[in-house]
Amino acid sequence: MAPRGGRRAARAKAAGVAVAPRRASFKEKRELGELPARIEQLEARKRQLFERMASPEFYSAPGPEIAKAKSQVAAIEAELQEALARWVELEALASGD
């Protein structure tokens, strides 16, 4: 998916006109403020799962329970990577203000 304003920037570049960089919207600024707490929450949940998986009793549990925990870790890691990437993106927009 092309970034917002991509067509406008391409047309302006072709016409030789300078385009002001896009600034963070109010909604994006609010999202940026909420992301650190969300990232901490994901990291805490991941830590809890790892602690649970580190116990010897965990692997004596039924196979589906182990598989479920492993898939939860994978889902959390994916969500964490998305949140971190979004944080970097929003920080770049906010620093342009």
Protein backbone atom coordinates (compact mmCIF):
# COMPACT_ATOMS: atom_id res chain seq x y z
CA MET A 1 0.00 0.00 0.00
CA ALA A 2 1.40 3.40 -0.98
CA PRO A 3 1.94 5.95 1.79
CA ARG A 4 -0.63 8.70 2.14
CA GLY A 5 -0.03 11.62 -0.13
CA GLY A 6 2.15 9.53 -2.41
CA ARG A 7 0.35 10.58 -5.60
CA ARG A 8 0.38 14.23 -4.65
CA ALA A 9 4.08 14.10 -3.88
CA ALA A 10 4.79 12.28 -7.16
CA ARG A 11 2.82 14.86 -9.17
CA ALA A 12 4.47 17.74 -7.34
CA LYS A 13 7.90 16.24 -7.89
CA ALA A 14 7.18 15.81 -11.60
CA ALA A 15 6.03 19.43 -11.76
CA GLY A 16 9.10 20.61 -9.84
CA VAL A 17 7.03 21.93 -6.92
CA ALA A 18 8.17 21.42 -3.32
CA VAL A 19 5.69 19.61 -1.10
CA ALA A 20 5.65 20.18 2.64
CA PRO A 21 6.32 16.97 4.57
CA ARG A 22 3.24 15.37 6.08
CA ARG A 23 2.76 16.11 9.75
CA ALA A 24 1.28 13.85 12.38
CA SER A 25 -2.46 14.18 12.82
CA PHE A 26 -4.12 14.51 16.21
CA LYS A 27 -5.12 10.86 16.06
CA GLU A 28 -1.55 9.80 15.24
CA LYS A 29 -0.15 11.90 18.08
CA ARG A 30 -2.61 10.27 20.48
CA GLU A 31 -1.67 6.83 19.15
CA LEU A 32 2.01 7.69 19.66
CA GLY A 33 1.27 8.59 23.27
CA GLU A 34 -0.51 5.27 23.85
CA LEU A 35 2.01 3.01 22.11
CA PRO A 36 4.66 2.82 24.88
CA ALA A 37 2.08 1.45 27.34
CA ARG A 38 0.86 -1.06 24.74
CA ILE A 39 4.44 -2.17 24.04
CA GLU A 40 5.11 -2.61 27.76
CA GLN A 41 1.90 -4.63 28.07
CA LEU A 42 2.93 -6.94 25.21
CA GLU A 43 6.43 -7.38 26.64
CA ALA A 44 4.99 -8.21 30.08
CA ARG A 45 2.64 -10.82 28.58
CA LYS A 46 5.53 -12.31 26.61
CA ARG A 47 7.64 -12.46 29.79
CA GLN A 48 4.81 -14.23 31.64
CA LEU A 49 4.52 -16.82 28.91
CA PHE A 50 8.28 -17.40 28.86
CA GLU A 51 8.33 -17.82 32.64
CA ARG A 52 5.50 -20.33 32.39
CA MET A 53 7.27 -22.17 29.58
CA ALA A 54 10.53 -22.23 31.58
CA SER A 55 9.03 -24.37 34.31
CA PRO A 56 9.58 -28.13 33.97
CA GLU A 57 5.91 -28.80 34.72
CA PHE A 58 4.89 -26.92 31.60
CA TYR A 59 6.21 -29.61 29.29
CA SER A 60 4.34 -32.34 31.14
CA ALA A 61 1.09 -30.62 30.09
CA PRO A 62 -0.95 -31.95 27.15
CA GLY A 63 0.45 -31.20 23.70
CA PRO A 64 -2.36 -28.85 22.61
CA GLU A 65 -1.75 -26.66 25.67
CA ILE A 66 1.96 -26.40 24.83
CA ALA A 67 1.17 -25.62 21.19
CA LYS A 68 -1.32 -22.95 22.26
CA ALA A 69 1.29 -21.23 24.45
CA LYS A 70 3.86 -21.32 21.65
CA SER A 71 1.38 -19.83 19.18
CA GLN A 72 0.51 -17.12 21.72
CA VAL A 73 4.20 -16.22 21.98
CA ALA A 74 4.48 -16.03 18.19
CA ALA A 75 1.36 -13.83 17.97
CA ILE A 76 2.63 -11.52 20.70
CA GLU A 77 6.03 -11.22 19.02
CA ALA A 78 4.37 -10.34 15.70
CA GLU A 79 2.13 -7.76 17.37
CA LEU A 80 5.13 -6.36 19.24
CA GLN A 81 7.10 -5.95 16.01
CA GLU A 82 4.14 -4.17 14.39
CA ALA A 83 3.80 -1.85 17.39
CA LEU A 84 7.51 -1.03 17.37
CA ALA A 85 7.47 -0.33 13.63
CA ARG A 86 4.42 1.89 14.04
CA TRP A 87 6.12 3.71 16.91
CA VAL A 88 9.15 4.47 14.72
CA GLU A 89 6.84 5.66 11.92
CA LEU A 90 4.86 7.94 14.23
CA GLU A 91 8.02 9.30 15.88
CA ALA A 92 9.31 10.28 12.43
CA LEU A 93 6.05 12.09 11.66
CA ALA A 94 5.96 13.80 15.04
CA SER A 95 9.55 14.99 14.77
CA GLY A 96 8.60 16.73 11.51
CA ASP A 97 6.15 19.01 13.36
